Amino acid sequence: MGDTKKLKLFRVSTRTAQYQGVKDVRFHWFRYKTGDERRPCYAELITEYDPEHENAICAEAIVEELFTEDEAKQLKAYLDEVHGDHGTTVITEHSRPICLNEMGLGAIPYGGGQDCYMLYKEHRYSLPFQVLGYFDLRGREKVDGSGIFHGYHFVTDGNGLHKVENAPREA
């Protein structure tokens, strides 16, 4: 990768008018399954980096999830071409440094309204790296105007498993 002091990493996000019946949803894209190739710049990008620290792997994962400038441009071009009519995609430089106690988007537990869109599984996907898009529908207005989406949970009864929308929590 060359001189790590010159390494700039980027985030890519897309804001859509609606997704899954909810208005104004933002997708935070991140690199997925980076394999054995690891960036040699953790000490430059992570505050008080210690590879032996129990949280080091979480902070390293953030570095691996971010995009190089070329990757970010490739991803934006793909999203603009294939999904451009669904939303606006922007590239922003990731501010440094990353704290040792942070975790990446891939470490967030999913369900109940937050999930990942598996972009790399699309039929037309042609990028040389895999990408997921984290999104959170909770707290967003529903497209049909019936209120705010609060998430969902699954219940089982004699007829199988059913997805049920959560009611708003009392204050």
N, C-alpha and C. Protein backbone atom coordinates (compact mmCIF):
# COMPACT_ATOMS: atom_id res chain seq x y z
N MET A 1 0.82 -1.19 0.00
CA MET A 1 0.00 0.00 0.00
C MET A 1 0.87 1.26 0.00
N GLY A 2 2.14 1.12 0.19
CA GLY A 2 2.99 2.30 0.17
C GLY A 2 3.03 3.00 1.51
N ASP A 3 3.24 4.31 1.49
CA ASP A 3 3.36 5.12 2.70
C ASP A 3 2.01 5.21 3.41
N THR A 4 1.94 4.64 4.62
CA THR A 4 0.66 4.61 5.35
C THR A 4 0.20 6.00 5.77
N LYS A 5 1.12 6.95 5.92
CA LYS A 5 0.71 8.31 6.29
C LYS A 5 -0.11 8.95 5.19
N LYS A 6 0.02 8.52 3.97
CA LYS A 6 -0.74 9.07 2.85
C LYS A 6 -2.04 8.30 2.61
N LEU A 7 -2.24 7.19 3.32
CA LEU A 7 -3.43 6.38 3.10
C LEU A 7 -4.66 7.13 3.58
N LYS A 8 -5.60 7.31 2.70
CA LYS A 8 -6.88 7.90 3.04
C LYS A 8 -7.94 6.83 2.85
N LEU A 9 -8.84 6.75 3.81
CA LEU A 9 -9.92 5.79 3.72
C LEU A 9 -11.25 6.53 3.71
N PHE A 10 -12.24 5.90 3.08
CA PHE A 10 -13.50 6.59 2.81
C PHE A 10 -14.70 5.75 3.21
N ARG A 11 -15.79 6.46 3.49
CA ARG A 11 -17.09 5.86 3.72
C ARG A 11 -17.95 6.20 2.51
N VAL A 12 -18.88 5.28 2.21
CA VAL A 12 -19.83 5.51 1.13
C VAL A 12 -21.22 5.26 1.71
N SER A 13 -22.14 6.18 1.44
CA SER A 13 -23.50 6.00 1.93
C SER A 13 -24.49 6.43 0.86
N THR A 14 -25.67 5.83 0.93
CA THR A 14 -26.75 6.16 -0.01
C THR A 14 -27.99 6.48 0.80
N ARG A 15 -28.61 7.60 0.48
CA ARG A 15 -29.89 7.98 1.10
C ARG A 15 -30.98 7.71 0.07
N THR A 16 -31.97 6.89 0.50
CA THR A 16 -33.10 6.56 -0.38
C THR A 16 -34.37 7.23 0.14
N ALA A 17 -35.29 7.50 -0.77
CA ALA A 17 -36.56 8.11 -0.38
C ALA A 17 -37.37 7.13 0.47
N GLN A 18 -37.29 5.85 0.13
CA GLN A 18 -38.02 4.83 0.90
C GLN A 18 -37.41 3.46 0.64
N TYR A 19 -37.57 2.60 1.64
CA TYR A 19 -37.12 1.21 1.55
C TYR A 19 -37.96 0.39 2.51
N GLN A 20 -38.47 -0.71 2.05
CA GLN A 20 -39.28 -1.63 2.86
C GLN A 20 -40.41 -0.91 3.59
N GLY A 21 -41.07 0.02 2.89
CA GLY A 21 -42.22 0.70 3.46
C GLY A 21 -41.90 1.80 4.45
N VAL A 22 -40.63 2.22 4.52
CA VAL A 22 -40.20 3.25 5.46
C VAL A 22 -39.51 4.36 4.68
N LYS A 23 -39.77 5.61 5.07
CA LYS A 23 -39.20 6.78 4.39
C LYS A 23 -37.77 7.07 4.84
N ASP A 24 -37.03 7.70 3.93
CA ASP A 24 -35.74 8.30 4.23
C ASP A 24 -34.78 7.33 4.93
N VAL A 25 -34.36 6.32 4.19
CA VAL A 25 -33.47 5.29 4.74
C VAL A 25 -32.06 5.51 4.20
N ARG A 26 -31.07 5.41 5.07
CA ARG A 26 -29.67 5.57 4.67
C ARG A 26 -28.97 4.21 4.75
N PHE A 27 -28.26 3.89 3.69
CA PHE A 27 -27.43 2.68 3.63
C PHE A 27 -25.98 3.11 3.84
N HIS A 28 -25.32 2.48 4.80
CA HIS A 28 -23.90 2.72 5.07
C HIS A 28 -23.16 1.50 4.53
N TRP A 29 -22.49 1.69 3.41
CA TRP A 29 -21.82 0.57 2.72
C TRP A 29 -20.49 0.28 3.38
N PHE A 30 -20.13 -1.01 3.41
CA PHE A 30 -18.83 -1.39 3.95
C PHE A 30 -18.30 -2.65 3.26
N ARG A 31 -16.96 -2.74 3.23
CA ARG A 31 -16.29 -3.91 2.65
C ARG A 31 -16.54 -5.10 3.55
N TYR A 32 -16.75 -6.25 2.91
CA TYR A 32 -17.11 -7.47 3.63
C TYR A 32 -16.18 -8.59 3.20
N LYS A 33 -15.80 -9.45 4.14
CA LYS A 33 -14.94 -10.61 3.85
C LYS A 33 -13.69 -10.19 3.10
N THR A 34 -12.86 -9.46 3.77
CA THR A 34 -11.65 -8.96 3.12
C THR A 34 -10.57 -10.03 2.99
N GLY A 35 -10.79 -11.18 3.58
CA GLY A 35 -9.84 -12.28 3.42
C GLY A 35 -8.60 -12.11 4.27
N ASP A 36 -7.53 -12.74 3.83
CA ASP A 36 -6.28 -12.73 4.58
C ASP A 36 -5.47 -11.45 4.38
N GLU A 37 -5.77 -10.71 3.31
CA GLU A 37 -5.04 -9.46 3.07
C GLU A 37 -5.50 -8.43 4.09
N ARG A 38 -4.58 -7.97 4.90
CA ARG A 38 -4.89 -6.99 5.93
C ARG A 38 -4.09 -5.72 5.63
N ARG A 39 -4.67 -4.59 5.91
CA ARG A 39 -3.98 -3.32 5.68
C ARG A 39 -2.87 -3.16 6.74
N PRO A 40 -1.70 -2.75 6.32
CA PRO A 40 -0.56 -2.63 7.25
C PRO A 40 -0.50 -1.28 7.95
N CYS A 41 -1.65 -0.70 8.27
CA CYS A 41 -1.65 0.67 8.77
C CYS A 41 -2.42 0.86 10.07
N TYR A 42 -2.67 -0.20 10.80
CA TYR A 42 -3.47 -0.08 12.02
C TYR A 42 -2.87 0.93 13.00
N ALA A 43 -1.57 0.90 13.19
CA ALA A 43 -0.93 1.79 14.15
C ALA A 43 -1.11 3.26 13.75
N GLU A 44 -1.21 3.53 12.47
CA GLU A 44 -1.39 4.90 11.98
C GLU A 44 -2.83 5.37 12.13
N LEU A 45 -3.79 4.44 12.09
CA LEU A 45 -5.20 4.81 12.03
C LEU A 45 -5.96 4.61 13.33
N ILE A 46 -5.40 3.83 14.26
CA ILE A 46 -6.11 3.50 15.51
C ILE A 46 -5.37 4.13 16.68
N THR A 47 -6.08 4.93 17.47
CA THR A 47 -5.51 5.59 18.64
C THR A 47 -5.03 4.55 19.66
N GLU A 48 -3.83 4.75 20.16
CA GLU A 48 -3.24 3.88 21.18
C GLU A 48 -3.32 2.40 20.77
N TYR A 49 -3.04 2.14 19.51
CA TYR A 49 -3.14 0.78 18.97
C TYR A 49 -2.16 -0.16 19.65
N ASP A 50 -2.69 -1.29 20.09
CA ASP A 50 -1.91 -2.37 20.67
C ASP A 50 -2.49 -3.66 20.11
N PRO A 51 -1.79 -4.36 19.24
CA PRO A 51 -2.35 -5.56 18.62
C PRO A 51 -2.72 -6.65 19.61
N GLU A 52 -2.18 -6.57 20.84
CA GLU A 52 -2.49 -7.57 21.87
C GLU A 52 -3.72 -7.20 22.71
N HIS A 53 -4.22 -5.99 22.54
CA HIS A 53 -5.37 -5.54 23.33
C HIS A 53 -6.61 -6.33 22.90
N GLU A 54 -7.47 -6.64 23.87
CA GLU A 54 -8.66 -7.46 23.58
C GLU A 54 -9.62 -6.80 22.60
N ASN A 55 -9.59 -5.48 22.47
CA ASN A 55 -10.48 -4.78 21.53
C ASN A 55 -9.83 -4.50 20.18
N ALA A 56 -8.58 -4.86 20.03
CA ALA A 56 -7.86 -4.51 18.80
C ALA A 56 -8.57 -5.04 17.55
N ILE A 57 -9.09 -6.24 17.61
CA ILE A 57 -9.73 -6.83 16.43
C ILE A 57 -10.96 -6.03 15.99
N CYS A 58 -11.66 -5.41 16.94
CA CYS A 58 -12.84 -4.59 16.60
C CYS A 58 -12.42 -3.33 15.85
N ALA A 59 -11.39 -2.66 16.34
CA ALA A 59 -10.91 -1.45 15.67
C ALA A 59 -10.29 -1.80 14.32
N GLU A 60 -9.57 -2.91 14.25
CA GLU A 60 -8.99 -3.35 12.97
C GLU A 60 -10.09 -3.60 11.95
N ALA A 61 -11.22 -4.14 12.40
CA ALA A 61 -12.35 -4.42 11.49
C ALA A 61 -12.88 -3.15 10.86
N ILE A 62 -12.88 -2.04 11.60
CA ILE A 62 -13.32 -0.77 11.01
C ILE A 62 -12.40 -0.39 9.86
N VAL A 63 -11.11 -0.50 10.08
CA VAL A 63 -10.14 -0.17 9.03
C VAL A 63 -10.40 -1.03 7.79
N GLU A 64 -10.66 -2.32 8.00
CA GLU A 64 -10.91 -3.22 6.88
C GLU A 64 -12.23 -2.95 6.17
N GLU A 65 -13.21 -2.40 6.88
CA GLU A 65 -14.52 -2.11 6.28
C GLU A 65 -14.52 -0.86 5.42
N LEU A 66 -13.60 0.06 5.66
CA LEU A 66 -13.54 1.31 4.92
C LEU A 66 -12.99 1.06 3.51
N PHE A 67 -13.22 2.02 2.64
CA PHE A 67 -12.82 1.90 1.24
C PHE A 67 -11.62 2.78 0.93
N THR A 68 -10.77 2.31 0.03
CA THR A 68 -9.77 3.20 -0.54
C THR A 68 -10.52 4.15 -1.46
N GLU A 69 -9.86 5.21 -1.90
CA GLU A 69 -10.51 6.17 -2.79
C GLU A 69 -10.97 5.49 -4.08
N ASP A 70 -10.13 4.63 -4.64
CA ASP A 70 -10.50 3.93 -5.88
C ASP A 70 -11.70 3.01 -5.66
N GLU A 71 -11.71 2.27 -4.54
CA GLU A 71 -12.84 1.39 -4.24
C GLU A 71 -14.13 2.19 -4.06
N ALA A 72 -14.02 3.32 -3.35
CA ALA A 72 -15.19 4.17 -3.11
C ALA A 72 -15.75 4.69 -4.43
N LYS A 73 -14.89 5.10 -5.33
CA LYS A 73 -15.33 5.59 -6.65
C LYS A 73 -15.98 4.47 -7.47
N GLN A 74 -15.39 3.27 -7.41
CA GLN A 74 -15.99 2.13 -8.12
C GLN A 74 -17.38 1.81 -7.58
N LEU A 75 -17.49 1.81 -6.25
CA LEU A 75 -18.78 1.50 -5.62
C LEU A 75 -19.81 2.56 -5.98
N LYS A 76 -19.45 3.82 -5.89
CA LYS A 76 -20.39 4.89 -6.24
C LYS A 76 -20.83 4.78 -7.69
N ALA A 77 -19.91 4.50 -8.59
CA ALA A 77 -20.25 4.35 -10.00
C ALA A 77 -21.26 3.21 -10.19
N TYR A 78 -21.02 2.08 -9.52
CA TYR A 78 -21.96 0.95 -9.60
C TYR A 78 -23.32 1.33 -9.05
N LEU A 79 -23.35 1.94 -7.88
CA LEU A 79 -24.62 2.32 -7.26
C LEU A 79 -25.37 3.34 -8.11
N ASP A 80 -24.65 4.32 -8.67
CA ASP A 80 -25.29 5.31 -9.53
C ASP A 80 -25.88 4.67 -10.78
N GLU A 81 -25.15 3.71 -11.35
CA GLU A 81 -25.62 3.05 -12.57
C GLU A 81 -26.81 2.13 -12.29
N VAL A 82 -26.71 1.32 -11.27
CA VAL A 82 -27.72 0.28 -11.03
C VAL A 82 -28.86 0.76 -10.13
N HIS A 83 -28.56 1.63 -9.18
CA HIS A 83 -29.57 2.06 -8.20
C HIS A 83 -29.75 3.57 -8.16
N GLY A 84 -29.24 4.28 -9.14
CA GLY A 84 -29.27 5.74 -9.13
C GLY A 84 -30.65 6.35 -9.03
N ASP A 85 -31.66 5.64 -9.52
CA ASP A 85 -33.02 6.17 -9.45
C ASP A 85 -33.65 5.95 -8.07
N HIS A 86 -32.96 5.25 -7.17
CA HIS A 86 -33.48 4.97 -5.83
C HIS A 86 -32.94 5.90 -4.76
N GLY A 87 -31.81 6.55 -5.04
CA GLY A 87 -31.25 7.41 -4.01
C GLY A 87 -29.98 8.10 -4.46
N THR A 88 -29.41 8.86 -3.54
CA THR A 88 -28.20 9.63 -3.80
C THR A 88 -27.05 9.05 -2.99
N THR A 89 -25.95 8.76 -3.67
CA THR A 89 -24.78 8.16 -3.03
C THR A 89 -23.69 9.21 -2.90
N VAL A 90 -23.07 9.26 -1.72
CA VAL A 90 -21.98 10.19 -1.47
C VAL A 90 -20.78 9.46 -0.89
N ILE A 91 -19.62 10.01 -1.16
CA ILE A 91 -18.35 9.52 -0.63
C ILE A 91 -17.82 10.57 0.33
N THR A 92 -17.42 10.14 1.53
CA THR A 92 -16.82 11.06 2.49
C THR A 92 -15.54 10.44 3.03
N GLU A 93 -14.54 11.28 3.22
CA GLU A 93 -13.30 10.79 3.81
C GLU A 93 -13.56 10.47 5.28
N HIS A 94 -13.07 9.32 5.72
CA HIS A 94 -13.24 8.93 7.12
C HIS A 94 -12.31 9.76 7.99
N SER A 95 -12.86 10.34 9.03
CA SER A 95 -12.02 11.14 9.93
C SER A 95 -11.18 10.20 10.78
N ARG A 96 -9.95 10.58 11.04
CA ARG A 96 -9.07 9.78 11.85
C ARG A 96 -8.95 10.41 13.21
N PRO A 97 -8.51 9.79 14.20
CA PRO A 97 -8.20 8.36 14.28
C PRO A 97 -9.41 7.55 14.73
N ILE A 98 -9.28 6.25 14.62
CA ILE A 98 -10.29 5.31 15.11
C ILE A 98 -9.91 4.97 16.55
N CYS A 99 -10.89 4.95 17.43
CA CYS A 99 -10.62 4.62 18.84
C CYS A 99 -10.56 3.11 19.00
N LEU A 100 -9.74 2.68 19.93
CA LEU A 100 -9.55 1.25 20.17
C LEU A 100 -10.83 0.56 20.64
N ASN A 101 -11.76 1.32 21.23
CA ASN A 101 -12.99 0.70 21.74
C ASN A 101 -14.17 0.81 20.77
N GLU A 102 -13.95 1.18 19.52
CA GLU A 102 -15.01 1.24 18.51
C GLU A 102 -15.18 -0.13 17.85
N MET A 103 -16.36 -0.31 17.23
CA MET A 103 -16.58 -1.53 16.45
C MET A 103 -17.15 -1.13 15.10
N GLY A 104 -16.95 -1.99 14.13
CA GLY A 104 -17.40 -1.72 12.78
C GLY A 104 -18.86 -2.07 12.56
N LEU A 105 -19.36 -1.73 11.40
CA LEU A 105 -20.76 -2.00 11.06
C LEU A 105 -21.04 -3.50 11.01
N GLY A 106 -20.07 -4.29 10.63
CA GLY A 106 -20.26 -5.73 10.55
C GLY A 106 -20.40 -6.40 11.91
N ALA A 107 -20.08 -5.68 12.98
CA ALA A 107 -20.17 -6.24 14.33
C ALA A 107 -21.49 -5.92 15.01
N ILE A 108 -22.34 -5.12 14.36
CA ILE A 108 -23.62 -4.75 14.95
C ILE A 108 -24.57 -5.94 14.87
N PRO A 109 -25.26 -6.26 15.96
CA PRO A 109 -26.26 -7.34 15.88
C PRO A 109 -27.46 -6.85 15.09
N TYR A 110 -27.93 -7.68 14.18
CA TYR A 110 -29.02 -7.28 13.29
C TYR A 110 -30.33 -7.91 13.70
N GLY A 111 -31.41 -7.28 13.27
CA GLY A 111 -32.75 -7.79 13.52
C GLY A 111 -33.64 -6.70 14.08
N GLY A 112 -34.93 -6.87 13.94
CA GLY A 112 -35.90 -5.95 14.51
C GLY A 112 -36.02 -4.63 13.78
N GLY A 113 -35.39 -4.49 12.65
CA GLY A 113 -35.45 -3.24 11.89
C GLY A 113 -34.10 -2.77 11.40
N GLN A 114 -33.04 -3.33 11.95
CA GLN A 114 -31.70 -3.03 11.42
C GLN A 114 -31.17 -4.30 10.77
N ASP A 115 -30.53 -4.11 9.63
CA ASP A 115 -30.09 -5.26 8.86
C ASP A 115 -29.01 -4.83 7.88
N CYS A 116 -28.56 -5.76 7.06
CA CYS A 116 -27.60 -5.47 6.00
C CYS A 116 -28.16 -5.93 4.67
N TYR A 117 -27.99 -5.08 3.67
CA TYR A 117 -28.34 -5.42 2.30
C TYR A 117 -27.09 -6.02 1.66
N MET A 118 -27.22 -7.21 1.09
CA MET A 118 -26.07 -7.91 0.51
C MET A 118 -25.90 -7.49 -0.95
N LEU A 119 -25.31 -6.34 -1.14
CA LEU A 119 -25.13 -5.77 -2.48
C LEU A 119 -24.36 -6.73 -3.37
N TYR A 120 -23.34 -7.37 -2.84
CA TYR A 120 -22.47 -8.23 -3.65
C TYR A 120 -23.19 -9.46 -4.21
N LYS A 121 -24.38 -9.73 -3.74
CA LYS A 121 -25.14 -10.88 -4.25
C LYS A 121 -26.06 -10.51 -5.41
N GLU A 122 -26.09 -9.25 -5.79
CA GLU A 122 -26.92 -8.84 -6.92
C GLU A 122 -26.41 -9.47 -8.21
N HIS A 123 -27.32 -9.77 -9.09
CA HIS A 123 -26.99 -10.42 -10.35
C HIS A 123 -25.98 -9.61 -11.17
N ARG A 124 -26.12 -8.30 -11.20
CA ARG A 124 -25.26 -7.43 -12.01
C ARG A 124 -23.97 -7.03 -11.31
N TYR A 125 -23.78 -7.42 -10.06
CA TYR A 125 -22.62 -6.98 -9.28
C TYR A 125 -21.33 -7.42 -9.96
N SER A 126 -20.41 -6.47 -10.13
CA SER A 126 -19.17 -6.77 -10.85
C SER A 126 -17.92 -6.23 -10.17
N LEU A 127 -18.04 -5.69 -8.97
CA LEU A 127 -16.88 -5.11 -8.30
C LEU A 127 -15.96 -6.22 -7.80
N PRO A 128 -14.65 -5.94 -7.71
CA PRO A 128 -13.69 -6.96 -7.27
C PRO A 128 -13.61 -7.14 -5.76
N PHE A 129 -14.53 -6.57 -5.02
CA PHE A 129 -14.59 -6.70 -3.57
C PHE A 129 -16.06 -6.80 -3.17
N GLN A 130 -16.32 -7.44 -2.03
CA GLN A 130 -17.70 -7.63 -1.58
C GLN A 130 -18.15 -6.47 -0.71
N VAL A 131 -19.43 -6.08 -0.87
CA VAL A 131 -19.97 -4.94 -0.14
C VAL A 131 -21.32 -5.28 0.46
N LEU A 132 -21.50 -4.87 1.72
CA LEU A 132 -22.78 -4.92 2.41
C LEU A 132 -23.21 -3.50 2.73
N GLY A 133 -24.51 -3.32 2.92
CA GLY A 133 -25.03 -2.00 3.29
C GLY A 133 -25.86 -2.08 4.55
N TYR A 134 -25.35 -1.53 5.64
CA TYR A 134 -26.09 -1.49 6.90
C TYR A 134 -27.20 -0.45 6.80
N PHE A 135 -28.40 -0.80 7.30
CA PHE A 135 -29.50 0.16 7.37
C PHE A 135 -30.30 -0.09 8.65
N ASP A 136 -30.98 0.96 9.11
CA ASP A 136 -31.80 0.89 10.32
C ASP A 136 -33.12 1.59 10.03
N LEU A 137 -34.20 0.83 10.03
CA LEU A 137 -35.53 1.37 9.72
C LEU A 137 -36.22 1.96 10.95
N ARG A 138 -35.75 1.63 12.14
CA ARG A 138 -36.42 2.05 13.37
C ARG A 138 -36.43 3.57 13.52
N GLY A 139 -37.57 4.08 13.99
CA GLY A 139 -37.69 5.51 14.22
C GLY A 139 -37.99 6.32 12.97
N ARG A 140 -38.20 5.65 11.86
CA ARG A 140 -38.48 6.32 10.58
C ARG A 140 -39.99 6.29 10.30
N GLU A 141 -40.44 7.32 9.61
CA GLU A 141 -41.85 7.41 9.24
C GLU A 141 -42.18 6.38 8.17
N LYS A 142 -43.35 5.77 8.31
CA LYS A 142 -43.81 4.79 7.32
C LYS A 142 -44.30 5.51 6.07
N VAL A 143 -44.09 4.89 4.92
CA VAL A 143 -44.49 5.45 3.64
C VAL A 143 -46.01 5.65 3.57
N ASP A 144 -46.76 4.73 4.17
CA ASP A 144 -48.23 4.82 4.10
C ASP A 144 -48.83 5.86 5.04
N GLY A 145 -47.97 6.58 5.79
CA GLY A 145 -48.44 7.64 6.67
C GLY A 145 -49.05 7.16 7.98
N SER A 146 -48.92 5.88 8.29
CA SER A 146 -49.56 5.32 9.48
C SER A 146 -48.74 5.48 10.76
N GLY A 147 -47.66 6.24 10.71
CA GLY A 147 -46.88 6.47 11.92
C GLY A 147 -45.41 6.17 11.75
N ILE A 148 -44.76 5.89 12.87
CA ILE A 148 -43.33 5.62 12.91
C ILE A 148 -43.11 4.11 13.04
N PHE A 149 -42.11 3.62 12.30
CA PHE A 149 -41.76 2.20 12.40
C PHE A 149 -40.89 2.02 13.63
N HIS A 150 -41.29 1.10 14.53
CA HIS A 150 -40.56 0.88 15.78
C HIS A 150 -39.77 -0.43 15.79
N GLY A 151 -39.79 -1.17 14.71
CA GLY A 151 -39.09 -2.44 14.65
C GLY A 151 -40.08 -3.59 14.63
N TYR A 152 -39.55 -4.79 14.70
CA TYR A 152 -40.39 -5.98 14.71
C TYR A 152 -39.71 -7.08 15.50
N HIS A 153 -40.47 -8.07 15.82
CA HIS A 153 -39.94 -9.27 16.46
C HIS A 153 -40.72 -10.46 15.90
N PHE A 154 -40.24 -11.64 16.17
CA PHE A 154 -40.89 -12.85 15.69
C PHE A 154 -41.57 -13.57 16.84
N VAL A 155 -42.75 -14.08 16.57
CA VAL A 155 -43.47 -14.91 17.54
C VAL A 155 -43.86 -16.21 16.85
N THR A 156 -43.99 -17.24 17.63
CA THR A 156 -44.40 -18.52 17.09
C THR A 156 -45.68 -18.97 17.77
N ASP A 157 -46.51 -19.60 17.00
CA ASP A 157 -47.73 -20.19 17.55
C ASP A 157 -47.95 -21.52 16.83
N GLY A 158 -49.11 -22.12 16.97
CA GLY A 158 -49.40 -23.40 16.34
C GLY A 158 -49.36 -23.36 14.83
N ASN A 159 -49.39 -22.15 14.24
CA ASN A 159 -49.38 -22.01 12.79
C ASN A 159 -48.03 -21.59 12.23
N GLY A 160 -47.01 -21.57 13.06
CA GLY A 160 -45.67 -21.24 12.56
C GLY A 160 -45.13 -19.94 13.13
N LEU A 161 -44.09 -19.43 12.46
CA LEU A 161 -43.38 -18.24 12.88
C LEU A 161 -43.95 -17.02 12.16
N HIS A 162 -44.21 -15.93 12.88
CA HIS A 162 -44.80 -14.73 12.29
C HIS A 162 -43.98 -13.51 12.69
N LYS A 163 -43.79 -12.60 11.75
CA LYS A 163 -43.12 -11.32 12.03
C LYS A 163 -44.21 -10.35 12.52
N VAL A 164 -43.98 -9.73 13.68
CA VAL A 164 -44.94 -8.83 14.28
C VAL A 164 -44.26 -7.50 14.54
N GLU A 165 -44.93 -6.40 14.14
CA GLU A 165 -44.37 -5.08 14.38
C GLU A 165 -44.44 -4.74 15.86
N ASN A 166 -43.36 -4.12 16.36
CA ASN A 166 -43.32 -3.70 17.76
C ASN A 166 -44.19 -2.48 17.96
N ALA A 167 -44.80 -2.38 19.10
CA ALA A 167 -45.55 -1.19 19.47
C ALA A 167 -44.57 -0.16 20.03
N PRO A 168 -44.91 1.12 19.97
CA PRO A 168 -44.01 2.13 20.56
C PRO A 168 -43.89 1.91 22.06
N ARG A 169 -42.72 2.21 22.58
CA ARG A 169 -42.48 2.05 24.01
C ARG A 169 -43.04 3.25 24.76
N GLU A 170 -43.55 2.98 25.93
CA GLU A 170 -44.06 4.05 26.79
C GLU A 170 -42.88 4.80 27.40
N ALA A 171 -43.05 6.09 27.54
CA ALA A 171 -41.97 6.92 28.12
C ALA A 171 -41.95 6.81 29.63
